[in-house]
Amino acid sequence: MSGVTQAVIERGDLAHLALFLWAASASALAVALLKELAACNRRFGDFVDEIDRLNQIFNDRDSG
């Protein structure tokens, strides 16, 4: 075990260790979700740009 974990266990402060592990894992999950949300927003923006490009092509073809 790491030195920090061993020190916490020796002091009998397992509740604080459990709380720290929970908070750290929740924070890591939140960061991962925010990264995925940002990637999803970029993909959706690319999709909307492509739809706009297709609309322009079709409008140019119909009017010309």
C-alpha atoms as a PDB file:
ATOM      1  CA  MET A   1       0.000   0.000   0.000  1.00  0.00           C
ATOM      2  CA  SER A   2       1.028   3.571  -0.465  1.00  0.00           C
ATOM      3  CA  GLY A   3       2.379   5.568   2.435  1.00  0.00           C
ATOM      4  CA  VAL A   4      -0.675   7.812   2.659  1.00  0.00           C
ATOM      5  CA  THR A   5      -3.078   4.869   2.696  1.00  0.00           C
ATOM      6  CA  GLN A   6      -1.001   3.066   5.305  1.00  0.00           C
ATOM      7  CA  ALA A   7      -0.898   6.175   7.530  1.00  0.00           C
ATOM      8  CA  VAL A   8      -4.670   6.626   7.301  1.00  0.00           C
ATOM      9  CA  ILE A   9      -5.302   2.972   8.132  1.00  0.00           C
ATOM     10  CA  GLU A  10      -2.924   3.093  11.091  1.00  0.00           C
ATOM     11  CA  ARG A  11      -4.775   6.107  12.496  1.00  0.00           C
ATOM     12  CA  GLY A  12      -8.098   4.349  12.048  1.00  0.00           C
ATOM     13  CA  ASP A  13      -9.489   7.080   9.826  1.00  0.00           C
ATOM     14  CA  LEU A  14     -11.067   4.855   7.194  1.00  0.00           C
ATOM     15  CA  ALA A  15     -14.136   7.061   6.795  1.00  0.00           C
ATOM     16  CA  HIS A  16     -11.997   9.942   5.552  1.00  0.00           C
ATOM     17  CA  LEU A  17     -10.169   7.624   3.153  1.00  0.00           C
ATOM     18  CA  ALA A  18     -13.472   6.310   1.807  1.00  0.00           C
ATOM     19  CA  LEU A  19     -14.805   9.851   1.424  1.00  0.00           C
ATOM     20  CA  PHE A  20     -11.657  10.936  -0.413  1.00  0.00           C
ATOM     21  CA  LEU A  21     -11.835   7.953  -2.765  1.00  0.00           C
ATOM     22  CA  TRP A  22     -15.513   8.643  -3.468  1.00  0.00           C
ATOM     23  CA  ALA A  23     -14.865  12.331  -4.151  1.00  0.00           C
ATOM     24  CA  ALA A  24     -11.884  11.592  -6.368  1.00  0.00           C
ATOM     25  CA  SER A  25     -13.787   9.034  -8.419  1.00  0.00           C
ATOM     26  CA  ALA A  26     -16.821  11.328  -8.730  1.00  0.00           C
ATOM     27  CA  SER A  27     -14.587  14.163  -9.903  1.00  0.00           C
ATOM     28  CA  ALA A  28     -12.860  11.921 -12.445  1.00  0.00           C
ATOM     29  CA  LEU A  29     -16.234  10.782 -13.749  1.00  0.00           C
ATOM     30  CA  ALA A  30     -17.415  14.389 -14.051  1.00  0.00           C
ATOM     31  CA  VAL A  31     -14.308  15.322 -16.045  1.00  0.00           C
ATOM     32  CA  ALA A  32     -14.802  12.336 -18.356  1.00  0.00           C
ATOM     33  CA  LEU A  33     -18.457  13.245 -18.890  1.00  0.00           C
ATOM     34  CA  LEU A  34     -17.594  16.871 -19.672  1.00  0.00           C
ATOM     35  CA  LYS A  35     -15.002  15.746 -22.225  1.00  0.00           C
ATOM     36  CA  GLU A  36     -17.562  13.479 -23.877  1.00  0.00           C
ATOM     37  CA  LEU A  37     -20.161  16.261 -23.877  1.00  0.00           C
ATOM     38  CA  ALA A  38     -17.701  18.631 -25.561  1.00  0.00           C
ATOM     39  CA  ALA A  39     -16.909  16.014 -28.215  1.00  0.00           C
ATOM     40  CA  CYS A  40     -20.627  15.402 -28.772  1.00  0.00           C
ATOM     41  CA  ASN A  41     -21.253  19.123 -29.212  1.00  0.00           C
ATOM     42  CA  ARG A  42     -18.442  19.325 -31.784  1.00  0.00           C
ATOM     43  CA  ARG A  43     -19.877  16.383 -33.726  1.00  0.00           C
ATOM     44  CA  PHE A  44     -23.343  17.937 -33.684  1.00  0.00           C
ATOM     45  CA  GLY A  45     -21.917  21.265 -34.857  1.00  0.00           C
ATOM     46  CA  ASP A  46     -20.181  19.485 -37.738  1.00  0.00           C
ATOM     47  CA  PHE A  47     -23.467  17.782 -38.628  1.00  0.00           C
ATOM     48  CA  VAL A  48     -25.347  21.090 -38.664  1.00  0.00           C
ATOM     49  CA  ASP A  49     -22.622  22.648 -40.830  1.00  0.00           C
ATOM     50  CA  GLU A  50     -22.936  19.797 -43.335  1.00  0.00           C
ATOM     51  CA  ILE A  51     -26.728  20.166 -43.460  1.00  0.00           C
ATOM     52  CA  ASP A  52     -26.263  23.901 -44.123  1.00  0.00           C
ATOM     53  CA  ARG A  53     -23.756  23.138 -46.881  1.00  0.00           C
ATOM     54  CA  LEU A  54     -26.189  20.685 -48.511  1.00  0.00           C
ATOM     55  CA  ASN A  55     -29.017  23.232 -48.308  1.00  0.00           C
ATOM     56  CA  GLN A  56     -26.815  25.796 -50.053  1.00  0.00           C
ATOM     57  CA  ILE A  57     -25.929  23.302 -52.797  1.00  0.00           C
ATOM     58  CA  PHE A  58     -29.597  22.418 -53.353  1.00  0.00           C
ATOM     59  CA  ASN A  59     -30.688  26.067 -53.303  1.00  0.00           C
ATOM     60  CA  ASP A  60     -27.998  27.001 -55.832  1.00  0.00           C
ATOM     61  CA  ARG A  61     -29.039  24.118 -58.086  1.00  0.00           C
ATOM     62  CA  ASP A  62     -32.737  25.031 -57.911  1.00  0.00           C
ATOM     63  CA  SER A  63     -32.221  28.759 -58.552  1.00  0.00           C
ATOM     64  CA  GLY A  64     -29.596  28.372 -61.285  1.00  0.00           C
END
